[in-house]
Amino acid sequence: MLRCSTLYCSKGNYEFGLSRIIKSLEPYQKKLGTDTWYYAKRCFLSLLENMAKHMLMMQDDFLRECIQFLEACECTHVLQQICHYFFTVRYLFFDVDTVVLASAIP
């Protein structure tokens, strides 16, 4: 269902595509993970990009539905784990780079 929904978004039918994405990820605690979030966020970012370029105008009800979905995702434990993992990995890479650079200096 998620793949079909992303195809609707890629063809410009954001209202139907994103509403299907939102429905397909319910309940968020069980179905929202790194892989599903990757595809879902690409559709949301594409929508925002087209709206910023004034290529699209969306209805207020649809935008409220999107905001409610994003707020619900923010509250899920899975998304918090994803963010924690991202920042942990980023910190580790930064720390490794700092150690490598420090050891290269005579």
N, C-alpha and C. Protein backbone atom coordinates (compact mmCIF):
# COMPACT_ATOMS: atom_id res chain seq x y z
N MET A 1 0.82 -1.19 0.00
CA MET A 1 0.00 0.00 0.00
C MET A 1 0.87 1.26 0.00
N LEU A 2 1.97 1.20 0.73
CA LEU A 2 2.84 2.37 0.83
C LEU A 2 3.47 2.69 -0.52
N ARG A 3 3.88 1.66 -1.25
CA ARG A 3 4.51 1.90 -2.56
C ARG A 3 3.53 2.52 -3.54
N CYS A 4 2.31 2.02 -3.55
CA CYS A 4 1.30 2.58 -4.45
C CYS A 4 1.02 4.03 -4.11
N SER A 5 1.00 4.33 -2.82
CA SER A 5 0.72 5.71 -2.39
C SER A 5 1.83 6.66 -2.82
N THR A 6 3.07 6.19 -2.77
CA THR A 6 4.17 7.05 -3.20
C THR A 6 4.12 7.31 -4.70
N LEU A 7 3.57 6.37 -5.45
CA LEU A 7 3.41 6.59 -6.90
C LEU A 7 2.41 7.70 -7.17
N TYR A 8 1.33 7.75 -6.39
CA TYR A 8 0.37 8.84 -6.55
C TYR A 8 1.04 10.19 -6.28
N CYS A 9 1.88 10.23 -5.26
CA CYS A 9 2.58 11.47 -4.93
C CYS A 9 3.54 11.87 -6.05
N SER A 10 4.23 10.89 -6.62
CA SER A 10 5.19 11.20 -7.68
C SER A 10 4.49 11.72 -8.93
N LYS A 11 3.23 11.37 -9.11
CA LYS A 11 2.46 11.86 -10.26
C LYS A 11 1.73 13.17 -9.95
N GLY A 12 1.91 13.68 -8.72
CA GLY A 12 1.32 14.97 -8.38
C GLY A 12 -0.01 14.91 -7.66
N ASN A 13 -0.52 13.71 -7.41
CA ASN A 13 -1.79 13.57 -6.70
C ASN A 13 -1.48 13.40 -5.20
N TYR A 14 -1.06 14.50 -4.58
CA TYR A 14 -0.59 14.45 -3.19
C TYR A 14 -1.71 14.19 -2.20
N GLU A 15 -2.87 14.74 -2.43
CA GLU A 15 -3.97 14.57 -1.47
C GLU A 15 -4.33 13.10 -1.32
N PHE A 16 -4.49 12.41 -2.41
CA PHE A 16 -4.84 10.99 -2.33
C PHE A 16 -3.66 10.18 -1.84
N GLY A 17 -2.47 10.44 -2.39
CA GLY A 17 -1.28 9.66 -2.03
C GLY A 17 -0.93 9.78 -0.56
N LEU A 18 -0.90 10.99 -0.04
CA LEU A 18 -0.53 11.17 1.36
C LEU A 18 -1.62 10.67 2.30
N SER A 19 -2.88 10.81 1.90
CA SER A 19 -3.94 10.28 2.76
C SER A 19 -3.84 8.75 2.84
N ARG A 20 -3.45 8.11 1.75
CA ARG A 20 -3.26 6.65 1.75
C ARG A 20 -2.03 6.27 2.58
N ILE A 21 -0.98 7.07 2.51
CA ILE A 21 0.21 6.80 3.33
C ILE A 21 -0.15 6.87 4.80
N ILE A 22 -0.89 7.91 5.17
CA ILE A 22 -1.28 8.08 6.57
C ILE A 22 -2.12 6.89 7.04
N LYS A 23 -3.06 6.47 6.20
CA LYS A 23 -3.92 5.34 6.57
C LYS A 23 -3.12 4.04 6.64
N SER A 24 -2.17 3.87 5.73
CA SER A 24 -1.42 2.61 5.69
C SER A 24 -0.46 2.46 6.87
N LEU A 25 -0.07 3.55 7.49
CA LEU A 25 0.87 3.47 8.62
C LEU A 25 0.18 3.38 9.98
N GLU A 26 -1.16 3.34 9.99
CA GLU A 26 -1.86 3.19 11.26
C GLU A 26 -1.86 1.73 11.67
N PRO A 27 -1.66 1.35 12.88
CA PRO A 27 -1.22 2.13 14.04
C PRO A 27 0.28 2.45 13.92
N TYR A 28 0.61 3.67 14.25
CA TYR A 28 1.97 4.17 14.04
C TYR A 28 3.00 3.43 14.88
N GLN A 29 2.62 3.00 16.06
CA GLN A 29 3.56 2.30 16.94
C GLN A 29 4.08 1.02 16.30
N LYS A 30 3.24 0.36 15.52
CA LYS A 30 3.63 -0.93 14.94
C LYS A 30 4.22 -0.80 13.54
N LYS A 31 3.70 0.11 12.75
CA LYS A 31 4.08 0.15 11.33
C LYS A 31 5.08 1.22 10.96
N LEU A 32 5.33 2.17 11.85
CA LEU A 32 6.26 3.24 11.51
C LEU A 32 7.66 2.83 11.94
N GLY A 33 8.53 2.66 10.94
CA GLY A 33 9.92 2.29 11.20
C GLY A 33 10.83 3.08 10.28
N THR A 34 12.09 2.72 10.26
CA THR A 34 13.05 3.48 9.45
C THR A 34 12.73 3.37 7.97
N ASP A 35 12.37 2.18 7.50
CA ASP A 35 12.09 2.00 6.08
C ASP A 35 10.81 2.71 5.66
N THR A 36 9.75 2.55 6.44
CA THR A 36 8.48 3.19 6.07
C THR A 36 8.58 4.70 6.21
N TRP A 37 9.29 5.19 7.22
CA TRP A 37 9.44 6.63 7.39
C TRP A 37 10.23 7.23 6.24
N TYR A 38 11.20 6.49 5.71
CA TYR A 38 12.01 6.98 4.58
C TYR A 38 11.12 7.32 3.39
N TYR A 39 10.21 6.43 3.04
CA TYR A 39 9.34 6.67 1.89
C TYR A 39 8.27 7.71 2.19
N ALA A 40 7.74 7.70 3.39
CA ALA A 40 6.70 8.66 3.76
C ALA A 40 7.25 10.08 3.76
N LYS A 41 8.43 10.27 4.32
CA LYS A 41 8.98 11.63 4.42
C LYS A 41 9.33 12.19 3.05
N ARG A 42 9.70 11.33 2.11
CA ARG A 42 10.01 11.82 0.76
C ARG A 42 8.78 12.44 0.11
N CYS A 43 7.62 11.85 0.34
CA CYS A 43 6.38 12.41 -0.22
C CYS A 43 6.03 13.73 0.44
N PHE A 44 6.18 13.80 1.76
CA PHE A 44 5.90 15.05 2.46
C PHE A 44 6.86 16.15 2.03
N LEU A 45 8.12 15.82 1.88
CA LEU A 45 9.10 16.82 1.46
C LEU A 45 8.85 17.29 0.03
N SER A 46 8.43 16.38 -0.84
CA SER A 46 8.11 16.76 -2.20
C SER A 46 6.91 17.71 -2.23
N LEU A 47 5.91 17.42 -1.40
CA LEU A 47 4.75 18.31 -1.30
C LEU A 47 5.18 19.69 -0.82
N LEU A 48 5.98 19.75 0.23
CA LEU A 48 6.43 21.03 0.76
C LEU A 48 7.27 21.80 -0.25
N GLU A 49 8.10 21.10 -0.99
CA GLU A 49 8.92 21.76 -2.02
C GLU A 49 8.04 22.40 -3.09
N ASN A 50 7.04 21.67 -3.56
CA ASN A 50 6.15 22.20 -4.59
C ASN A 50 5.28 23.34 -4.06
N MET A 51 4.90 23.27 -2.79
CA MET A 51 4.14 24.37 -2.21
C MET A 51 5.02 25.60 -2.04
N ALA A 52 6.28 25.40 -1.68
CA ALA A 52 7.20 26.53 -1.51
C ALA A 52 7.47 27.23 -2.84
N LYS A 53 7.45 26.48 -3.92
CA LYS A 53 7.65 27.06 -5.25
C LYS A 53 6.36 27.64 -5.84
N HIS A 54 5.30 27.58 -5.05
CA HIS A 54 3.97 28.06 -5.47
C HIS A 54 3.46 27.31 -6.70
N MET A 55 3.83 26.05 -6.80
CA MET A 55 3.33 25.21 -7.89
C MET A 55 2.04 24.50 -7.49
N LEU A 56 1.78 24.41 -6.18
CA LEU A 56 0.60 23.72 -5.66
C LEU A 56 -0.05 24.56 -4.58
N MET A 57 -1.34 24.41 -4.47
CA MET A 57 -2.08 24.95 -3.34
C MET A 57 -2.93 23.80 -2.81
N MET A 58 -2.87 23.59 -1.51
CA MET A 58 -3.62 22.50 -0.90
C MET A 58 -4.72 23.06 -0.01
N GLN A 59 -5.75 22.25 0.18
CA GLN A 59 -6.86 22.65 1.04
C GLN A 59 -6.42 22.60 2.50
N ASP A 60 -7.03 23.46 3.31
CA ASP A 60 -6.66 23.55 4.72
C ASP A 60 -6.92 22.24 5.46
N ASP A 61 -8.01 21.57 5.13
CA ASP A 61 -8.33 20.31 5.80
C ASP A 61 -7.24 19.26 5.56
N PHE A 62 -6.75 19.21 4.35
CA PHE A 62 -5.69 18.26 4.01
C PHE A 62 -4.40 18.60 4.77
N LEU A 63 -4.07 19.87 4.84
CA LEU A 63 -2.86 20.28 5.56
C LEU A 63 -2.98 19.99 7.05
N ARG A 64 -4.18 20.17 7.61
CA ARG A 64 -4.40 19.83 9.02
C ARG A 64 -4.19 18.34 9.26
N GLU A 65 -4.67 17.52 8.32
CA GLU A 65 -4.50 16.07 8.43
C GLU A 65 -3.01 15.71 8.40
N CYS A 66 -2.25 16.37 7.54
CA CYS A 66 -0.81 16.12 7.46
C CYS A 66 -0.11 16.53 8.75
N ILE A 67 -0.48 17.67 9.28
CA ILE A 67 0.13 18.16 10.52
C ILE A 67 -0.19 17.22 11.68
N GLN A 68 -1.43 16.75 11.75
CA GLN A 68 -1.80 15.80 12.81
C GLN A 68 -1.00 14.51 12.69
N PHE A 69 -0.79 14.05 11.47
CA PHE A 69 0.00 12.84 11.26
C PHE A 69 1.44 13.05 11.73
N LEU A 70 2.03 14.18 11.35
CA LEU A 70 3.41 14.44 11.74
C LEU A 70 3.55 14.60 13.24
N GLU A 71 2.57 15.20 13.89
CA GLU A 71 2.59 15.32 15.35
C GLU A 71 2.46 13.94 16.00
N ALA A 72 1.63 13.08 15.43
CA ALA A 72 1.49 11.73 15.97
C ALA A 72 2.78 10.94 15.79
N CYS A 73 3.45 11.14 14.66
CA CYS A 73 4.73 10.47 14.42
C CYS A 73 5.78 10.95 15.42
N GLU A 74 5.73 12.23 15.73
CA GLU A 74 6.69 12.80 16.67
C GLU A 74 6.54 12.16 18.05
N CYS A 75 5.33 11.77 18.37
CA CYS A 75 5.06 11.20 19.69
C CYS A 75 5.38 9.71 19.78
N THR A 76 5.54 9.05 18.65
CA THR A 76 5.76 7.61 18.70
C THR A 76 7.16 7.29 19.19
N HIS A 77 7.25 6.21 19.86
CA HIS A 77 8.53 5.76 20.41
C HIS A 77 9.49 5.39 19.29
N VAL A 78 8.97 4.84 18.20
CA VAL A 78 9.81 4.41 17.09
C VAL A 78 10.57 5.58 16.50
N LEU A 79 9.88 6.68 16.26
CA LEU A 79 10.53 7.84 15.67
C LEU A 79 11.57 8.43 16.62
N GLN A 80 11.28 8.38 17.91
CA GLN A 80 12.26 8.85 18.88
C GLN A 80 13.51 7.99 18.85
N GLN A 81 13.34 6.69 18.66
CA GLN A 81 14.49 5.79 18.56
C GLN A 81 15.29 6.09 17.30
N ILE A 82 14.60 6.38 16.20
CA ILE A 82 15.28 6.70 14.95
C ILE A 82 16.13 7.96 15.14
N CYS A 83 15.56 8.98 15.75
CA CYS A 83 16.30 10.23 15.98
C CYS A 83 17.48 9.99 16.91
N HIS A 84 17.27 9.20 17.95
CA HIS A 84 18.36 8.90 18.87
C HIS A 84 19.49 8.16 18.15
N TYR A 85 19.13 7.19 17.32
CA TYR A 85 20.14 6.45 16.55
C TYR A 85 20.90 7.38 15.62
N PHE A 86 20.20 8.28 14.94
CA PHE A 86 20.85 9.20 14.00
C PHE A 86 21.86 10.07 14.72
N PHE A 87 21.46 10.65 15.85
CA PHE A 87 22.38 11.53 16.56
C PHE A 87 23.53 10.77 17.19
N THR A 88 23.29 9.53 17.61
CA THR A 88 24.37 8.71 18.16
C THR A 88 25.39 8.40 17.09
N VAL A 89 24.93 8.00 15.92
CA VAL A 89 25.84 7.69 14.81
C VAL A 89 26.59 8.94 14.39
N ARG A 90 25.90 10.05 14.32
CA ARG A 90 26.54 11.31 13.93
C ARG A 90 27.62 11.69 14.94
N TYR A 91 27.33 11.53 16.22
CA TYR A 91 28.31 11.84 17.26
C TYR A 91 29.52 10.92 17.15
N LEU A 92 29.26 9.63 16.90
CA LEU A 92 30.38 8.69 16.79
C LEU A 92 31.27 9.03 15.61
N PHE A 93 30.68 9.37 14.47
CA PHE A 93 31.49 9.74 13.31
C PHE A 93 32.28 11.02 13.58
N PHE A 94 31.66 11.97 14.23
CA PHE A 94 32.36 13.21 14.55
C PHE A 94 33.52 12.92 15.49
N ASP A 95 33.27 12.07 16.48
CA ASP A 95 34.31 11.74 17.45
C ASP A 95 35.46 11.01 16.77
N VAL A 96 35.16 10.09 15.86
CA VAL A 96 36.21 9.35 15.14
C VAL A 96 37.01 10.32 14.28
N ASP A 97 36.35 11.24 13.58
CA ASP A 97 37.07 12.22 12.75
C ASP A 97 37.99 13.08 13.59
N THR A 98 37.50 13.47 14.75
CA THR A 98 38.32 14.32 15.64
C THR A 98 39.55 13.54 16.11
N VAL A 99 39.37 12.28 16.46
CA VAL A 99 40.50 11.46 16.91
C VAL A 99 41.50 11.27 15.78
N VAL A 100 41.02 10.99 14.56
CA VAL A 100 41.91 10.80 13.42
C VAL A 100 42.67 12.07 13.12
N LEU A 101 41.97 13.21 13.12
CA LEU A 101 42.66 14.48 12.85
C LEU A 101 43.67 14.81 13.95
N ALA A 102 43.33 14.52 15.19
CA ALA A 102 44.24 14.82 16.30
C ALA A 102 45.49 13.95 16.23
N SER A 103 45.31 12.69 15.78
CA SER A 103 46.48 11.80 15.70
C SER A 103 47.35 12.13 14.50
N ALA A 104 46.80 12.81 13.49
CA ALA A 104 47.57 13.15 12.29
C ALA A 104 48.45 14.38 12.52
N ILE A 105 48.11 15.17 13.53
CA ILE A 105 48.88 16.38 13.81
C ILE A 105 50.13 16.00 14.60
N PRO A 106 51.35 16.39 14.13
CA PRO A 106 52.58 16.02 14.84
C PRO A 106 52.76 16.80 16.12
